[in-house]
Amino acid sequence: MKYQLLATDLDGTLVTDDKQITERTKAAIHAMIKQGGVLVLASGRPSYGVWHVARELGLDRDGGYILSYNGGELLDCRTGEAKFSVSIPSERIPEIIELSRRYQTAILTYEGSDIITENGDDIYVAGEARNVKMDVKEVPDLISYITFPIVKLMMVGSEEQILKMEPIVREALGSEFAVFRSEAYHLEILPAGIDKGTGLQRTMDHLKIPREAVISCGDYDNDIPMNEAAGFGVAMENGCPRIKELADFVTLSNEQDGVAEVIEKFML
């Protein structure tokens, strides 16, 4: 097997639009792992929001990794151990939250199995909760509540609002932060230098797997750095125009077992 590692995005890539993993995709993944391949679930979701996918695929038994928070944390699925993790400087957290308040944009972070926010009734917060299968915990003051390390903060809102906020937040926070859209309704805020590309590079370094032995699959702008870090970058047919333009290969859509197609074609 030429390729040893597959890093795949979840939403719009590995899972269908109704958040299911098809039997064909499961079978392809199990065959790949049986032949010695390594699966990395690379997502903007928090680690807790990826665990149910890892367990469904048997990664807690057979081995594999979760690269969560858009590259901010790597977990070993068999042991649950964090191989690396970053956090937002605590002294900058109030500034980010105040920025969301000033522009009346909902903001959230994560604690264990909960989404933490001041905006518990916001429809976009509710959408994130459904997506990652986590509960929403509303707090009166997010600034005073966060006394623990957090990997990221995320502003959520309409596509129009997030497009408006992206340059505002980027300019306000400066070079110490990575600010980018992971979905049309999500604006992610992480420490500078953190994205799926740097996360995948650290994963490859940890596993001592060369770039040439790595395939990456994704569908959105935040997957482009991961595709560039991999030896072979794959875009989904349902992906955004830019990722398809830059990809080495365009596979079938997430509704047509596109990830299974990649495994069967290049890894088995």
C-alpha atoms as a PDB file:
ATOM      1  CA  MET A   1       0.000   0.000   0.000  1.00  0.00           C
ATOM      2  CA  LYS A   2       1.641   3.209  -1.205  1.00  0.00           C
ATOM      3  CA  TYR A   3      -0.438   5.474   1.031  1.00  0.00           C
ATOM      4  CA  GLN A   4      -0.353   4.780   4.764  1.00  0.00           C
ATOM      5  CA  LEU A   5      -2.533   7.507   6.273  1.00  0.00           C
ATOM      6  CA  LEU A   6      -5.909   8.990   5.346  1.00  0.00           C
ATOM      7  CA  ALA A   7      -6.898  12.297   6.962  1.00  0.00           C
ATOM      8  CA  THR A   8     -10.530  13.072   6.293  1.00  0.00           C
ATOM      9  CA  ASP A   9     -12.835  15.900   7.185  1.00  0.00           C
ATOM     10  CA  LEU A  10     -16.236  14.887   8.584  1.00  0.00           C
ATOM     11  CA  ASP A  11     -19.082  17.236   7.612  1.00  0.00           C
ATOM     12  CA  GLY A  12     -19.609  17.339   3.875  1.00  0.00           C
ATOM     13  CA  THR A  13     -16.888  14.720   3.407  1.00  0.00           C
ATOM     14  CA  LEU A  14     -16.949  11.506   5.449  1.00  0.00           C
ATOM     15  CA  VAL A  15     -20.574  11.776   6.551  1.00  0.00           C
ATOM     16  CA  THR A  16     -23.668  12.257   4.418  1.00  0.00           C
ATOM     17  CA  ASP A  17     -25.814  15.354   4.639  1.00  0.00           C
ATOM     18  CA  ASP A  18     -27.891  13.674   7.370  1.00  0.00           C
ATOM     19  CA  LYS A  19     -24.658  12.928   9.310  1.00  0.00           C
ATOM     20  CA  GLN A  20     -24.522   9.199   8.568  1.00  0.00           C
ATOM     21  CA  ILE A  21     -21.576   6.989   7.585  1.00  0.00           C
ATOM     22  CA  THR A  22     -22.600   4.581   4.841  1.00  0.00           C
ATOM     23  CA  GLU A  23     -21.913   0.854   4.988  1.00  0.00           C
ATOM     24  CA  ARG A  24     -19.665   1.092   1.925  1.00  0.00           C
ATOM     25  CA  THR A  25     -17.542   3.750   3.616  1.00  0.00           C
ATOM     26  CA  LYS A  26     -17.324   1.748   6.842  1.00  0.00           C
ATOM     27  CA  ALA A  27     -16.264  -1.366   4.933  1.00  0.00           C
ATOM     28  CA  ALA A  28     -13.578   0.554   3.030  1.00  0.00           C
ATOM     29  CA  ILE A  29     -12.195   2.057   6.249  1.00  0.00           C
ATOM     30  CA  HIS A  30     -12.120  -1.310   8.026  1.00  0.00           C
ATOM     31  CA  ALA A  31     -10.310  -2.878   5.058  1.00  0.00           C
ATOM     32  CA  MET A  32      -7.772  -0.037   5.022  1.00  0.00           C
ATOM     33  CA  ILE A  33      -7.070  -0.370   8.748  1.00  0.00           C
ATOM     34  CA  LYS A  34      -6.805  -4.168   8.450  1.00  0.00           C
ATOM     35  CA  GLN A  35      -4.072  -3.646   5.854  1.00  0.00           C
ATOM     36  CA  GLY A  36      -2.167  -1.357   8.228  1.00  0.00           C
ATOM     37  CA  GLY A  37      -3.555   2.034   7.214  1.00  0.00           C
ATOM     38  CA  VAL A  38      -4.103   4.853   9.695  1.00  0.00           C
ATOM     39  CA  LEU A  39      -7.283   6.934   9.815  1.00  0.00           C
ATOM     40  CA  VAL A  40      -7.268  10.496  11.132  1.00  0.00           C
ATOM     41  CA  LEU A  41     -10.645  12.169  11.648  1.00  0.00           C
ATOM     42  CA  ALA A  42      -9.817  15.823  11.000  1.00  0.00           C
ATOM     43  CA  SER A  43     -12.565  18.223  11.997  1.00  0.00           C
ATOM     44  CA  GLY A  44     -13.324  21.697  13.198  1.00  0.00           C
ATOM     45  CA  ARG A  45     -15.525  20.059  15.828  1.00  0.00           C
ATOM     46  CA  PRO A  46     -14.391  19.793  19.450  1.00  0.00           C
ATOM     47  CA  SER A  47     -12.888  16.442  20.421  1.00  0.00           C
ATOM     48  CA  TYR A  48     -16.034  15.347  22.264  1.00  0.00           C
ATOM     49  CA  GLY A  49     -18.071  15.997  19.123  1.00  0.00           C
ATOM     50  CA  VAL A  50     -15.932  13.554  17.106  1.00  0.00           C
ATOM     51  CA  TRP A  51     -15.763  10.683  19.599  1.00  0.00           C
ATOM     52  CA  HIS A  52     -19.097   9.149  18.599  1.00  0.00           C
ATOM     53  CA  VAL A  53     -17.867   8.933  14.999  1.00  0.00           C
ATOM     54  CA  ALA A  54     -14.595   7.330  16.117  1.00  0.00           C
ATOM     55  CA  ARG A  55     -16.469   4.744  18.180  1.00  0.00           C
ATOM     56  CA  GLU A  56     -18.901   4.004  15.356  1.00  0.00           C
ATOM     57  CA  LEU A  57     -15.887   3.192  13.170  1.00  0.00           C
ATOM     58  CA  GLY A  58     -14.251   1.090  15.893  1.00  0.00           C
ATOM     59  CA  LEU A  59     -11.225   3.356  16.231  1.00  0.00           C
ATOM     60  CA  ASP A  60     -11.308   3.003  20.011  1.00  0.00           C
ATOM     61  CA  ARG A  61     -10.700  -0.708  19.410  1.00  0.00           C
ATOM     62  CA  ASP A  62      -8.641  -0.803  16.203  1.00  0.00           C
ATOM     63  CA  GLY A  63      -6.715   2.448  16.606  1.00  0.00           C
ATOM     64  CA  GLY A  64      -6.829   5.797  14.861  1.00  0.00           C
ATOM     65  CA  TYR A  65      -6.696   9.490  15.689  1.00  0.00           C
ATOM     66  CA  ILE A  66      -8.933  12.517  16.155  1.00  0.00           C
ATOM     67  CA  LEU A  67      -7.493  15.815  14.912  1.00  0.00           C
ATOM     68  CA  SER A  68     -10.045  18.229  16.346  1.00  0.00           C
ATOM     69  CA  TYR A  69     -10.540  21.994  16.674  1.00  0.00           C
ATOM     70  CA  ASN A  70      -9.269  22.514  13.095  1.00  0.00           C
ATOM     71  CA  GLY A  71      -5.857  21.126  13.988  1.00  0.00           C
ATOM     72  CA  GLY A  72      -5.627  22.343  17.582  1.00  0.00           C
ATOM     73  CA  GLU A  73      -5.657  18.966  19.314  1.00  0.00           C
ATOM     74  CA  LEU A  74      -4.660  15.382  18.458  1.00  0.00           C
ATOM     75  CA  LEU A  75      -6.104  12.439  20.398  1.00  0.00           C
ATOM     76  CA  ASP A  76      -5.184   8.753  20.264  1.00  0.00           C
ATOM     77  CA  CYS A  77      -8.524   6.950  19.899  1.00  0.00           C
ATOM     78  CA  ARG A  78      -7.323   3.750  21.553  1.00  0.00           C
ATOM     79  CA  THR A  79      -5.972   5.392  24.723  1.00  0.00           C
ATOM     80  CA  GLY A  80      -7.803   8.734  24.773  1.00  0.00           C
ATOM     81  CA  GLU A  81      -4.446  10.439  25.314  1.00  0.00           C
ATOM     82  CA  ALA A  82      -3.865  13.919  23.891  1.00  0.00           C
ATOM     83  CA  LYS A  83      -0.700  13.850  21.792  1.00  0.00           C
ATOM     84  CA  PHE A  84      -0.732  17.618  21.472  1.00  0.00           C
ATOM     85  CA  SER A  85      -3.089  20.479  22.297  1.00  0.00           C
ATOM     86  CA  VAL A  86      -2.990  24.271  22.068  1.00  0.00           C
ATOM     87  CA  SER A  87      -4.962  26.928  23.926  1.00  0.00           C
ATOM     88  CA  ILE A  88      -5.952  30.558  23.496  1.00  0.00           C
ATOM     89  CA  PRO A  89      -3.943  32.891  25.782  1.00  0.00           C
ATOM     90  CA  SER A  90      -6.224  33.521  28.758  1.00  0.00           C
ATOM     91  CA  GLU A  91      -5.509  37.266  28.805  1.00  0.00           C
ATOM     92  CA  ARG A  92      -6.951  37.632  25.275  1.00  0.00           C
ATOM     93  CA  ILE A  93     -10.234  35.810  25.917  1.00  0.00           C
ATOM     94  CA  PRO A  94     -12.149  38.860  27.316  1.00  0.00           C
ATOM     95  CA  GLU A  95     -11.200  40.928  24.269  1.00  0.00           C
ATOM     96  CA  ILE A  96     -12.623  38.329  21.881  1.00  0.00           C
ATOM     97  CA  ILE A  97     -15.874  37.948  23.809  1.00  0.00           C
ATOM     98  CA  GLU A  98     -16.340  41.719  24.069  1.00  0.00           C
ATOM     99  CA  LEU A  99     -15.891  41.935  20.304  1.00  0.00           C
ATOM    100  CA  SER A 100     -18.766  39.486  19.798  1.00  0.00           C
ATOM    101  CA  ARG A 101     -20.957  41.486  22.187  1.00  0.00           C
ATOM    102  CA  ARG A 102     -20.163  44.751  20.439  1.00  0.00           C
ATOM    103  CA  TYR A 103     -21.316  43.363  17.089  1.00  0.00           C
ATOM    104  CA  GLN A 104     -24.175  41.308  18.578  1.00  0.00           C
ATOM    105  CA  THR A 105     -22.825  38.022  17.265  1.00  0.00           C
ATOM    106  CA  ALA A 106     -23.259  34.823  19.279  1.00  0.00           C
ATOM    107  CA  ILE A 107     -20.037  33.222  20.515  1.00  0.00           C
ATOM    108  CA  LEU A 108     -19.351  29.848  22.090  1.00  0.00           C
ATOM    109  CA  THR A 109     -16.679  27.491  23.343  1.00  0.00           C
ATOM    110  CA  TYR A 110     -16.631  23.968  24.760  1.00  0.00           C
ATOM    111  CA  GLU A 111     -16.255  22.313  28.148  1.00  0.00           C
ATOM    112  CA  GLY A 112     -16.414  18.524  28.342  1.00  0.00           C
ATOM    113  CA  SER A 113     -19.719  17.458  26.792  1.00  0.00           C
ATOM    114  CA  ASP A 114     -21.186  20.987  26.835  1.00  0.00           C
ATOM    115  CA  ILE A 115     -21.244  23.978  24.528  1.00  0.00           C
ATOM    116  CA  ILE A 116     -20.770  27.073  26.689  1.00  0.00           C
ATOM    117  CA  THR A 117     -22.377  30.331  25.576  1.00  0.00           C
ATOM    118  CA  GLU A 118     -24.253  33.429  26.693  1.00  0.00           C
ATOM    119  CA  ASN A 119     -26.612  32.889  23.746  1.00  0.00           C
ATOM    120  CA  GLY A 120     -28.431  29.686  24.631  1.00  0.00           C
ATOM    121  CA  ASP A 121     -31.487  30.416  22.481  1.00  0.00           C
ATOM    122  CA  ASP A 122     -29.534  31.358  19.343  1.00  0.00           C
ATOM    123  CA  ILE A 123     -30.527  29.206  16.354  1.00  0.00           C
ATOM    124  CA  TYR A 124     -26.930  28.893  15.142  1.00  0.00           C
ATOM    125  CA  VAL A 125     -25.757  27.752  18.579  1.00  0.00           C
ATOM    126  CA  ALA A 126     -28.555  25.167  18.488  1.00  0.00           C
ATOM    127  CA  GLY A 127     -27.378  24.059  15.047  1.00  0.00           C
ATOM    128  CA  GLU A 128     -23.838  23.506  16.318  1.00  0.00           C
ATOM    129  CA  ALA A 129     -25.202  21.510  19.262  1.00  0.00           C
ATOM    130  CA  ARG A 130     -27.123  19.219  16.918  1.00  0.00           C
ATOM    131  CA  ASN A 131     -24.119  18.812  14.672  1.00  0.00           C
ATOM    132  CA  VAL A 132     -21.676  17.780  17.391  1.00  0.00           C
ATOM    133  CA  LYS A 133     -24.262  16.033  19.609  1.00  0.00           C
ATOM    134  CA  MET A 134     -23.495  18.180  22.654  1.00  0.00           C
ATOM    135  CA  ASP A 135     -25.680  19.965  25.204  1.00  0.00           C
ATOM    136  CA  VAL A 136     -25.886  23.750  25.417  1.00  0.00           C
ATOM    137  CA  LYS A 137     -25.030  25.346  28.764  1.00  0.00           C
ATOM    138  CA  GLU A 138     -25.987  29.017  28.955  1.00  0.00           C
ATOM    139  CA  VAL A 139     -23.957  31.154  31.343  1.00  0.00           C
ATOM    140  CA  PRO A 140     -24.628  34.797  32.275  1.00  0.00           C
ATOM    141  CA  ASP A 141     -21.042  35.959  31.783  1.00  0.00           C
ATOM    142  CA  LEU A 142     -18.758  33.924  29.543  1.00  0.00           C
ATOM    143  CA  ILE A 143     -15.701  35.963  30.478  1.00  0.00           C
ATOM    144  CA  SER A 144     -15.894  35.165  34.193  1.00  0.00           C
ATOM    145  CA  TYR A 145     -16.971  31.574  33.513  1.00  0.00           C
ATOM    146  CA  ILE A 146     -13.915  30.591  31.455  1.00  0.00           C
ATOM    147  CA  THR A 147     -11.261  29.769  34.048  1.00  0.00           C
ATOM    148  CA  PHE A 148      -9.893  26.731  32.182  1.00  0.00           C
ATOM    149  CA  PRO A 149      -7.807  26.325  28.991  1.00  0.00           C
ATOM    150  CA  ILE A 150      -9.804  26.498  25.761  1.00  0.00           C
ATOM    151  CA  VAL A 151      -8.577  25.593  22.298  1.00  0.00           C
ATOM    152  CA  LYS A 152     -10.916  27.865  20.375  1.00  0.00           C
ATOM    153  CA  LEU A 153     -13.771  30.333  20.429  1.00  0.00           C
ATOM    154  CA  MET A 154     -16.309  30.367  17.639  1.00  0.00           C
ATOM    155  CA  MET A 155     -18.689  33.085  16.500  1.00  0.00           C
ATOM    156  CA  VAL A 156     -21.862  31.828  14.827  1.00  0.00           C
ATOM    157  CA  GLY A 157     -24.504  33.603  12.802  1.00  0.00           C
ATOM    158  CA  SER A 158     -26.020  34.043   9.370  1.00  0.00           C
ATOM    159  CA  GLU A 159     -23.749  33.742   6.356  1.00  0.00           C
ATOM    160  CA  GLU A 160     -24.048  37.505   5.846  1.00  0.00           C
ATOM    161  CA  GLN A 161     -23.097  38.216   9.471  1.00  0.00           C
ATOM    162  CA  ILE A 162     -20.097  35.877   9.432  1.00  0.00           C
ATOM    163  CA  LEU A 163     -18.795  37.341   6.169  1.00  0.00           C
ATOM    164  CA  LYS A 164     -19.076  40.795   7.751  1.00  0.00           C
ATOM    165  CA  MET A 165     -17.349  39.724  10.966  1.00  0.00           C
ATOM    166  CA  GLU A 166     -14.398  37.881   9.442  1.00  0.00           C
ATOM    167  CA  PRO A 167     -12.313  40.956   8.439  1.00  0.00           C
ATOM    168  CA  ILE A 168     -13.385  42.864  11.557  1.00  0.00           C
ATOM    169  CA  VAL A 169     -12.222  40.108  13.902  1.00  0.00           C
ATOM    170  CA  ARG A 170      -9.039  39.441  11.953  1.00  0.00           C
ATOM    171  CA  GLU A 171      -8.018  43.105  12.072  1.00  0.00           C
ATOM    172  CA  ALA A 172      -8.961  43.495  15.752  1.00  0.00           C
ATOM    173  CA  LEU A 173      -7.038  40.445  16.959  1.00  0.00           C
ATOM    174  CA  GLY A 174      -3.948  40.811  14.806  1.00  0.00           C
ATOM    175  CA  SER A 175      -1.239  38.308  14.005  1.00  0.00           C
ATOM    176  CA  GLU A 176      -1.530  36.292  17.226  1.00  0.00           C
ATOM    177  CA  PHE A 177      -4.695  34.565  15.999  1.00  0.00           C
ATOM    178  CA  ALA A 178      -5.944  32.445  13.133  1.00  0.00           C
ATOM    179  CA  VAL A 179      -9.422  33.653  12.107  1.00  0.00           C
ATOM    180  CA  PHE A 180     -11.293  31.767   9.396  1.00  0.00           C
ATOM    181  CA  ARG A 181     -14.657  30.350   8.316  1.00  0.00           C
ATOM    182  CA  SER A 182     -15.012  26.584   8.685  1.00  0.00           C
ATOM    183  CA  GLU A 183     -18.637  26.659   7.526  1.00  0.00           C
ATOM    184  CA  ALA A 184     -20.796  29.427   6.098  1.00  0.00           C
ATOM    185  CA  TYR A 185     -22.183  30.111   9.605  1.00  0.00           C
ATOM    186  CA  HIS A 186     -19.011  29.577  11.677  1.00  0.00           C
ATOM    187  CA  LEU A 187     -16.097  31.935  12.345  1.00  0.00           C
ATOM    188  CA  GLU A 188     -13.298  30.099  14.156  1.00  0.00           C
ATOM    189  CA  ILE A 189     -10.748  31.834  16.377  1.00  0.00           C
ATOM    190  CA  LEU A 190      -7.617  29.878  17.324  1.00  0.00           C
ATOM    191  CA  PRO A 191      -4.005  30.696  18.200  1.00  0.00           C
ATOM    192  CA  ALA A 192      -1.943  31.774  15.187  1.00  0.00           C
ATOM    193  CA  GLY A 193      -0.385  29.014  13.146  1.00  0.00           C
ATOM    194  CA  ILE A 194      -3.149  26.537  13.906  1.00  0.00           C
ATOM    195  CA  ASP A 195      -5.094  25.022  11.051  1.00  0.00           C
ATOM    196  CA  LYS A 196      -5.716  21.561   9.668  1.00  0.00           C
ATOM    197  CA  GLY A 197      -2.495  21.745   7.669  1.00  0.00           C
ATOM    198  CA  THR A 198      -0.200  22.402  10.623  1.00  0.00           C
ATOM    199  CA  GLY A 199      -2.196  19.883  12.657  1.00  0.00           C
ATOM    200  CA  LEU A 200      -1.716  17.209  10.010  1.00  0.00           C
ATOM    201  CA  GLN A 201       1.993  18.012   9.789  1.00  0.00           C
ATOM    202  CA  ARG A 202       2.365  17.528  13.540  1.00  0.00           C
ATOM    203  CA  THR A 203       0.409  14.281  13.242  1.00  0.00           C
ATOM    204  CA  MET A 204       2.715  13.021  10.490  1.00  0.00           C
ATOM    205  CA  ASP A 205       5.747  13.973  12.575  1.00  0.00           C
ATOM    206  CA  HIS A 206       4.342  12.158  15.602  1.00  0.00           C
ATOM    207  CA  LEU A 207       3.617   8.996  13.602  1.00  0.00           C
ATOM    208  CA  LYS A 208       6.813   9.282  11.517  1.00  0.00           C
ATOM    209  CA  ILE A 209       4.822   8.948   8.311  1.00  0.00           C
ATOM    210  CA  PRO A 210       6.183  10.902   5.316  1.00  0.00           C
ATOM    211  CA  ARG A 211       4.060  13.399   3.413  1.00  0.00           C
ATOM    212  CA  GLU A 212       4.217  11.234   0.295  1.00  0.00           C
ATOM    213  CA  ALA A 213       2.329   8.475   2.143  1.00  0.00           C
ATOM    214  CA  VAL A 214      -0.603  10.691   3.165  1.00  0.00           C
ATOM    215  CA  ILE A 215      -3.971  11.361   1.506  1.00  0.00           C
ATOM    216  CA  SER A 216      -6.292  14.132   2.657  1.00  0.00           C
ATOM    217  CA  CYS A 217      -9.996  14.533   1.823  1.00  0.00           C
ATOM    218  CA  GLY A 218     -12.057  17.689   2.377  1.00  0.00           C
ATOM    219  CA  ASP A 219     -14.802  19.903   1.030  1.00  0.00           C
ATOM    220  CA  TYR A 220     -14.322  23.438   2.373  1.00  0.00           C
ATOM    221  CA  ASP A 221     -11.779  26.277   2.532  1.00  0.00           C
ATOM    222  CA  ASN A 222     -10.483  25.207   5.947  1.00  0.00           C
ATOM    223  CA  ASP A 223      -9.532  21.818   4.442  1.00  0.00           C
ATOM    224  CA  ILE A 224      -7.220  23.377   1.850  1.00  0.00           C
ATOM    225  CA  PRO A 225      -4.189  23.634   4.216  1.00  0.00           C
ATOM    226  CA  MET A 226      -4.660  19.949   5.078  1.00  0.00           C
ATOM    227  CA  ASN A 227      -4.777  18.999   1.399  1.00  0.00           C
ATOM    228  CA  GLU A 228      -1.621  21.029   0.807  1.00  0.00           C
ATOM    229  CA  ALA A 229       0.157  19.346   3.717  1.00  0.00           C
ATOM    230  CA  ALA A 230      -0.699  15.871   2.418  1.00  0.00           C
ATOM    231  CA  GLY A 231       1.071  14.184  -0.465  1.00  0.00           C
ATOM    232  CA  PHE A 232      -2.232  13.759  -2.283  1.00  0.00           C
ATOM    233  CA  GLY A 233      -5.064  16.223  -1.715  1.00  0.00           C
ATOM    234  CA  VAL A 234      -8.610  15.191  -2.587  1.00  0.00           C
ATOM    235  CA  ALA A 235     -11.673  17.429  -2.901  1.00  0.00           C
ATOM    236  CA  MET A 236     -15.256  16.248  -2.746  1.00  0.00           C
ATOM    237  CA  GLU A 237     -17.478  16.835  -5.760  1.00  0.00           C
ATOM    238  CA  ASN A 238     -19.771  18.813  -3.422  1.00  0.00           C
ATOM    239  CA  GLY A 239     -16.828  20.918  -2.252  1.00  0.00           C
ATOM    240  CA  CYS A 240     -16.368  24.658  -2.644  1.00  0.00           C
ATOM    241  CA  PRO A 241     -14.887  25.838  -5.979  1.00  0.00           C
ATOM    242  CA  ARG A 242     -11.461  26.734  -4.567  1.00  0.00           C
ATOM    243  CA  ILE A 243     -10.718  23.381  -2.943  1.00  0.00           C
ATOM    244  CA  LYS A 244     -11.690  21.582  -6.145  1.00  0.00           C
ATOM    245  CA  GLU A 245      -9.515  23.887  -8.210  1.00  0.00           C
ATOM    246  CA  LEU A 246      -6.463  23.184  -6.028  1.00  0.00           C
ATOM    247  CA  ALA A 247      -6.995  19.441  -5.485  1.00  0.00           C
ATOM    248  CA  ASP A 248      -4.919  16.635  -6.976  1.00  0.00           C
ATOM    249  CA  PHE A 249      -8.122  14.643  -7.445  1.00  0.00           C
ATOM    250  CA  VAL A 250     -11.866  15.303  -7.204  1.00  0.00           C
ATOM    251  CA  THR A 251     -13.821  12.338  -5.884  1.00  0.00           C
ATOM    252  CA  LEU A 252     -17.547  11.669  -5.733  1.00  0.00           C
ATOM    253  CA  SER A 253     -19.736  13.697  -3.362  1.00  0.00           C
ATOM    254  CA  ASN A 254     -20.329  12.892   0.296  1.00  0.00           C
ATOM    255  CA  GLU A 255     -23.732  11.558  -0.756  1.00  0.00           C
ATOM    256  CA  GLN A 256     -22.063   9.134  -3.195  1.00  0.00           C
ATOM    257  CA  ASP A 257     -19.407   7.528  -0.939  1.00  0.00           C
ATOM    258  CA  GLY A 258     -16.628   9.800  -2.137  1.00  0.00           C
ATOM    259  CA  VAL A 259     -14.246   8.855   0.699  1.00  0.00           C
ATOM    260  CA  ALA A 260     -14.863   5.141   0.083  1.00  0.00           C
ATOM    261  CA  GLU A 261     -14.047   5.753  -3.585  1.00  0.00           C
ATOM    262  CA  VAL A 262     -10.681   7.255  -2.589  1.00  0.00           C
ATOM    263  CA  ILE A 263      -9.801   4.375  -0.261  1.00  0.00           C
ATOM    264  CA  GLU A 264     -10.781   1.719  -2.815  1.00  0.00           C
ATOM    265  CA  LYS A 265      -8.942   3.471  -5.641  1.00  0.00           C
ATOM    266  CA  PHE A 266      -5.725   4.512  -3.915  1.00  0.00           C
ATOM    267  CA  MET A 267      -5.303   2.623  -0.615  1.00  0.00           C
ATOM    268  CA  LEU A 268      -6.460  -0.976  -1.113  1.00  0.00           C
END
